[in-house]
């Protein structure tokens, strides 16, 4: 599935796919986030806000953690909780503990928030909520991973503290419920002769485009019932946008803008295969794996 020099070629899941369950395969979903700012997958709701200076974003009172994806285009902001205030003014991942919280915005730009899909404050808001009236049988349901280590409070993981390291795939952080991978910027179009079509056994992938343009290539495997077969898809999306890619479709995303392209992959629950690779999850000391 991967070229030999792709770090993912060493994953256990790259060589040991599970037998097929025979369950129906969901269709991929594609959203322009300027038109559809709140969407969901099986276990996670993604909220895209083009924030303005002075905005006060109410996250609600959550039973689980909130994650905020901060890019180079995002404004500075302050997270307000019962325990105090945390200012963020550079790219990275913010993790807000359960309970009430707000975000006070100090400039203009995009912010992306991730919440668990069953949070009462958010579960009815996604534009595609009807796609998940019933659980998708091929997607593993979320069971939160262990509590974080150390004192509570807001945690911020800046990208500036992550040096380049050969053999590591992206810049990966996890929470109890989510995994976020900030992939390297792609200058210009991706080499069409070096794509990486691959599959996942039991989890969805949210491919969030925050700069540039991508063509998402999706192939649905054939099951016994020919009525369920789909034509291959080659869907071009600008940014900000998100493609929700279901298992076990064959997929790869191809940067196509002549300028800078940036993609961020999101998974819920966190990926075990990525977590098993030493050094790949950059905040693994804070967020242990299940025993």
Protein backbone atom coordinates (compact mmCIF):
# COMPACT_ATOMS: atom_id res chain seq x y z
CA UNK A 1 0.00 0.00 0.00
CA UNK A 2 2.92 2.37 0.65
CA UNK A 3 6.25 3.11 -0.97
CA UNK A 4 9.19 1.65 0.95
CA UNK A 5 10.35 5.11 2.03
CA UNK A 6 6.91 6.01 3.44
CA UNK A 7 7.05 5.73 7.28
CA UNK A 8 3.62 4.06 7.27
CA UNK A 9 5.03 1.05 5.40
CA UNK A 10 6.29 -0.25 8.76
CA UNK A 11 2.87 -0.18 10.47
CA UNK A 12 1.45 -3.53 11.56
CA UNK A 13 -1.84 -2.59 9.89
CA UNK A 14 -0.07 -2.11 6.56
CA UNK A 15 0.65 -5.83 6.26
CA UNK A 16 -2.06 -7.56 8.30
CA UNK A 17 -5.56 -6.47 7.22
CA UNK A 18 -8.44 -8.21 8.97
CA UNK A 19 -10.97 -10.47 7.22
CA UNK A 20 -13.86 -8.48 5.76
CA UNK A 21 -17.02 -8.29 7.88
CA UNK A 22 -19.41 -8.07 4.93
CA UNK A 23 -21.20 -5.05 6.47
CA UNK A 24 -22.37 -2.23 4.23
CA UNK A 25 -19.70 0.32 3.33
CA UNK A 26 -20.66 3.94 4.00
CA UNK A 27 -20.24 6.62 1.36
CA UNK A 28 -17.49 9.22 1.69
CA UNK A 29 -18.65 12.73 2.58
CA UNK A 30 -17.17 16.05 1.46
CA UNK A 31 -17.78 19.50 2.93
CA UNK A 32 -16.80 23.07 2.12
CA UNK A 33 -16.48 24.40 5.65
CA UNK A 34 -17.27 27.97 4.63
CA UNK A 35 -20.76 26.74 3.71
CA UNK A 36 -21.13 23.87 6.19
CA UNK A 37 -19.14 24.75 9.32
CA UNK A 38 -20.37 21.99 11.68
CA UNK A 39 -20.11 18.37 10.52
CA UNK A 40 -19.56 15.03 12.17
CA UNK A 41 -18.12 11.57 11.75
CA UNK A 42 -19.11 8.55 13.85
CA UNK A 43 -17.33 9.66 17.02
CA UNK A 44 -16.33 13.31 16.55
CA UNK A 45 -17.94 16.64 15.66
CA UNK A 46 -15.79 19.17 13.80
CA UNK A 47 -16.67 22.84 14.25
CA UNK A 48 -15.03 25.35 11.89
CA UNK A 49 -15.31 29.01 12.91
CA UNK A 50 -13.93 31.99 11.02
CA UNK A 51 -13.46 33.97 14.22
CA UNK A 52 -13.32 37.75 14.55
CA UNK A 53 -11.52 39.84 17.14
CA UNK A 54 -13.75 40.20 20.18
CA UNK A 55 -15.72 36.99 19.58
CA UNK A 56 -16.64 35.00 22.66
CA UNK A 57 -17.09 31.35 21.66
CA UNK A 58 -19.06 29.27 24.15
CA UNK A 59 -17.99 25.61 24.06
CA UNK A 60 -20.75 24.52 26.41
CA UNK A 61 -20.31 22.27 29.42
CA UNK A 62 -18.72 19.11 28.07
CA UNK A 63 -18.41 15.66 29.61
CA UNK A 64 -15.25 14.98 27.59
CA UNK A 65 -12.25 16.96 26.45
CA UNK A 66 -12.39 19.65 23.77
CA UNK A 67 -9.54 19.92 21.25
CA UNK A 68 -8.73 23.10 19.32
CA UNK A 69 -6.71 22.77 16.11
CA UNK A 70 -4.62 25.93 15.68
CA UNK A 71 -2.99 26.66 12.31
CA UNK A 72 -0.73 29.39 11.03
CA UNK A 73 -3.84 31.29 9.87
CA UNK A 74 -5.55 31.15 13.28
CA UNK A 75 -5.85 34.23 15.52
CA UNK A 76 -4.51 34.47 19.04
CA UNK A 77 -7.10 33.54 21.65
CA UNK A 78 -7.57 32.81 25.35
CA UNK A 79 -9.23 29.68 26.70
CA UNK A 80 -11.29 30.45 29.80
CA UNK A 81 -12.20 27.67 32.25
CA UNK A 82 -13.12 27.54 35.92
CA UNK A 83 -9.41 27.07 36.63
CA UNK A 84 -8.25 30.23 34.87
CA UNK A 85 -7.11 31.58 31.50
CA UNK A 86 -4.66 30.16 28.93
CA UNK A 87 -3.48 32.32 26.03
CA UNK A 88 -2.53 30.67 22.72
CA UNK A 89 -0.79 32.60 19.96
CA UNK A 90 0.93 30.02 17.73
CA UNK A 91 0.02 26.85 15.81
CA UNK A 92 -0.48 23.57 17.63
CA UNK A 93 -3.10 21.56 19.49
CA UNK A 94 -4.99 22.78 22.56
CA UNK A 95 -6.73 20.27 24.83
CA UNK A 96 -9.38 21.66 27.20
CA UNK A 97 -10.50 19.48 30.13
CA UNK A 98 -14.16 18.51 30.67
CA UNK A 99 -16.51 21.12 32.08
CA UNK A 100 -17.56 24.61 30.98
CA UNK A 101 -15.20 26.65 28.81
CA UNK A 102 -15.14 29.64 26.48
CA UNK A 103 -12.72 31.06 23.92
CA UNK A 104 -12.03 34.79 23.81
CA UNK A 105 -10.69 35.70 20.35
CA UNK A 106 -8.04 38.42 19.83
CA UNK A 107 -7.85 38.55 16.03
CA UNK A 108 -9.40 37.32 12.79
CA UNK A 109 -8.95 33.84 11.39
CA UNK A 110 -10.05 30.20 11.49
CA UNK A 111 -10.37 27.99 14.55
CA UNK A 112 -11.30 24.31 14.45
CA UNK A 113 -12.84 22.66 17.50
CA UNK A 114 -13.31 18.92 18.04
CA UNK A 115 -15.89 17.52 20.47
CA UNK A 116 -17.20 14.03 21.06
CA UNK A 117 -20.22 13.26 18.88
CA UNK A 118 -22.59 12.52 21.77
CA UNK A 119 -22.06 15.80 23.64
CA UNK A 120 -25.58 17.20 24.32
CA UNK A 121 -24.47 20.77 23.58
CA UNK A 122 -23.38 19.80 20.06
CA UNK A 123 -24.90 16.51 18.92
CA UNK A 124 -27.86 18.04 17.05
CA UNK A 125 -25.88 20.76 15.26
CA UNK A 126 -23.97 18.92 12.49
CA UNK A 127 -25.36 19.41 9.00
CA UNK A 128 -24.90 15.69 8.30
CA UNK A 129 -26.38 14.39 11.56
CA UNK A 130 -28.86 12.29 9.59
CA UNK A 131 -25.97 10.26 8.17
CA UNK A 132 -25.39 8.85 11.66
CA UNK A 133 -28.95 8.17 12.80
CA UNK A 134 -27.64 4.62 13.17
CA UNK A 135 -24.05 3.74 14.02
CA UNK A 136 -21.94 2.74 11.04
CA UNK A 137 -21.21 -0.96 11.66
CA UNK A 138 -17.67 -0.88 10.26
CA UNK A 139 -16.50 1.98 12.50
CA UNK A 140 -15.23 1.20 16.01
CA UNK A 141 -17.20 3.18 18.58
CA UNK A 142 -15.37 5.54 20.90
CA UNK A 143 -14.20 4.34 24.27
CA UNK A 144 -12.13 7.03 25.93
CA UNK A 145 -8.47 6.21 26.47
CA UNK A 146 -6.96 6.56 29.98
CA UNK A 147 -6.97 9.83 31.93
CA UNK A 148 -4.03 12.14 31.23
CA UNK A 149 -1.06 12.08 33.55
CA UNK A 150 -0.28 14.94 35.94
CA UNK A 151 -2.17 18.04 36.92
CA UNK A 152 -5.35 18.95 35.10
CA UNK A 153 -6.02 22.15 33.24
CA UNK A 154 -5.64 23.30 29.64
CA UNK A 155 -2.75 21.69 27.75
CA UNK A 156 -1.11 23.28 24.72
CA UNK A 157 1.24 21.46 22.35
CA UNK A 158 2.94 23.99 20.01
CA UNK A 159 4.27 22.88 16.66
CA UNK A 160 7.29 25.11 17.18
CA UNK A 161 8.58 22.58 19.72
CA UNK A 162 8.59 19.73 17.18
CA UNK A 163 11.85 19.33 15.24
CA UNK A 164 11.91 17.46 11.94
CA UNK A 165 12.76 13.79 12.37
CA UNK A 166 13.35 11.36 9.48
CA UNK A 167 11.13 8.29 9.66
CA UNK A 168 8.37 9.92 11.71
CA UNK A 169 5.04 10.40 9.96
CA UNK A 170 3.80 13.96 10.48
CA UNK A 171 3.35 15.64 13.87
CA UNK A 172 0.90 13.57 15.88
CA UNK A 173 -0.85 14.42 19.14
CA UNK A 174 -3.59 12.51 20.90
CA UNK A 175 -6.19 13.10 23.59
CA UNK A 176 -8.44 10.60 25.31
CA UNK A 177 -10.77 10.65 22.30
CA UNK A 178 -8.96 12.15 19.29
CA UNK A 179 -5.74 11.90 17.33
CA UNK A 180 -4.59 14.87 15.23
CA UNK A 181 -1.78 14.65 12.69
CA UNK A 182 -0.39 17.92 11.31
CA UNK A 183 1.07 16.75 8.00
CA UNK A 184 3.98 18.66 6.43
CA UNK A 185 3.18 21.52 4.10
CA UNK A 186 3.21 20.47 0.45
CA UNK A 187 4.77 23.09 -1.81
CA UNK A 188 3.01 22.76 -5.14
CA UNK A 189 1.16 19.71 -6.46
CA UNK A 190 1.94 16.24 -5.18
CA UNK A 191 3.85 13.96 -7.53
CA UNK A 192 1.09 11.92 -9.20
CA UNK A 193 3.51 9.01 -9.56
CA UNK A 194 4.05 8.81 -5.76
CA UNK A 195 0.57 8.62 -4.27
CA UNK A 196 -0.26 6.31 -1.34
CA UNK A 197 -3.62 4.54 -1.80
CA UNK A 198 -4.42 2.53 1.33
CA UNK A 199 -7.30 1.30 3.49
CA UNK A 200 -8.34 1.30 7.16
CA UNK A 201 -10.08 -1.65 8.76
CA UNK A 202 -12.32 0.02 11.33
CA UNK A 203 -11.93 3.78 11.61
CA UNK A 204 -12.90 6.88 9.69
CA UNK A 205 -10.37 9.48 8.62
CA UNK A 206 -11.21 13.18 8.55
CA UNK A 207 -8.87 14.92 6.12
CA UNK A 208 -9.03 18.63 6.94
CA UNK A 209 -7.60 20.93 4.24
CA UNK A 210 -6.55 24.25 5.77
CA UNK A 211 -4.49 25.61 2.85
CA UNK A 212 -4.46 24.93 -0.87
CA UNK A 213 -6.49 22.36 -2.75
CA UNK A 214 -6.76 18.57 -2.74
CA UNK A 215 -8.22 15.86 -4.93
CA UNK A 216 -9.54 13.03 -2.75
CA UNK A 217 -9.40 9.73 -4.63
CA UNK A 218 -11.82 7.16 -3.14
CA UNK A 219 -12.50 3.59 -4.30
CA UNK A 220 -15.21 1.48 -2.63
CA UNK A 221 -14.39 -2.26 -2.60
CA UNK A 222 -16.88 -4.54 -4.28
CA UNK A 223 -19.10 -6.63 -2.02
CA UNK A 224 -21.23 -9.57 -3.12
CA UNK A 225 -24.27 -7.37 -3.82
CA UNK A 226 -23.59 -5.46 -7.03
CA UNK A 227 -26.27 -2.92 -6.09
CA UNK A 228 -23.89 -1.55 -3.44
CA UNK A 229 -21.00 -0.90 -5.86
CA UNK A 230 -19.92 2.69 -6.46
CA UNK A 231 -17.93 4.41 -9.15
CA UNK A 232 -14.48 5.65 -8.18
CA UNK A 233 -14.53 9.22 -6.87
CA UNK A 234 -12.01 11.98 -7.58
CA UNK A 235 -13.35 14.95 -5.63
CA UNK A 236 -11.54 18.29 -5.72
CA UNK A 237 -11.89 20.50 -2.63
CA UNK A 238 -10.36 23.84 -1.77
CA UNK A 239 -9.77 25.03 1.76
CA UNK A 240 -11.14 25.08 4.34
CA UNK A 241 -12.78 21.74 3.68
CA UNK A 242 -12.99 18.24 5.09
CA UNK A 243 -13.36 14.81 3.54
CA UNK A 244 -14.79 12.08 5.79
CA UNK A 245 -13.35 8.81 4.54
CA UNK A 246 -15.04 5.58 5.69
CA UNK A 247 -13.48 2.15 6.12
CA UNK A 248 -12.48 0.11 4.20
CA UNK A 249 -12.41 2.37 1.16
CA UNK A 250 -9.15 2.70 -0.74
CA UNK A 251 -8.12 6.34 -0.55
CA UNK A 252 -5.36 8.86 -1.10
CA UNK A 253 -5.37 12.67 -1.16
CA UNK A 254 -3.44 14.56 -3.82
CA UNK A 255 -2.37 18.17 -3.25
CA UNK A 256 -3.08 20.14 -6.43
CA UNK A 257 -2.58 23.85 -5.72
CA UNK A 258 0.58 25.43 -7.20
CA UNK A 259 1.17 27.20 -3.88
CA UNK A 260 1.24 25.77 -0.36
CA UNK A 261 -1.09 22.89 0.53
CA UNK A 262 -1.66 21.77 4.11
CA UNK A 263 -3.69 18.78 5.30
CA UNK A 264 -4.47 17.75 8.88
CA UNK A 265 -5.75 14.21 9.53
CA UNK A 266 -8.12 13.56 12.45
CA UNK A 267 -9.12 10.20 13.93
CA UNK A 268 -11.47 9.16 16.74
CA UNK A 269 -10.69 7.09 18.72
CA UNK A 270 -6.89 7.51 18.58
CA UNK A 271 -5.10 5.10 16.25
CA UNK A 272 -3.43 2.16 17.98
CA UNK A 273 -1.03 1.50 15.10
CA UNK A 274 0.34 5.05 15.13
CA UNK A 275 0.51 4.93 18.93
CA UNK A 276 2.60 1.76 18.87
CA UNK A 277 5.37 3.45 16.86
CA UNK A 278 8.01 4.82 19.27
CA UNK A 279 8.30 8.58 19.02
CA UNK A 280 5.39 9.14 16.67
CA UNK A 281 2.87 10.49 19.23
CA UNK A 282 4.52 13.60 20.57
CA UNK A 283 2.47 13.91 23.77
CA UNK A 284 2.39 10.19 24.60
CA UNK A 285 3.84 10.84 28.07
CA UNK A 286 0.75 12.90 28.91
CA UNK A 287 -1.79 10.56 27.30
CA UNK A 288 -1.06 6.87 27.94
CA UNK A 289 -2.37 4.04 25.80
CA UNK A 290 -4.93 1.58 27.21
CA UNK A 291 -3.27 -1.29 29.04
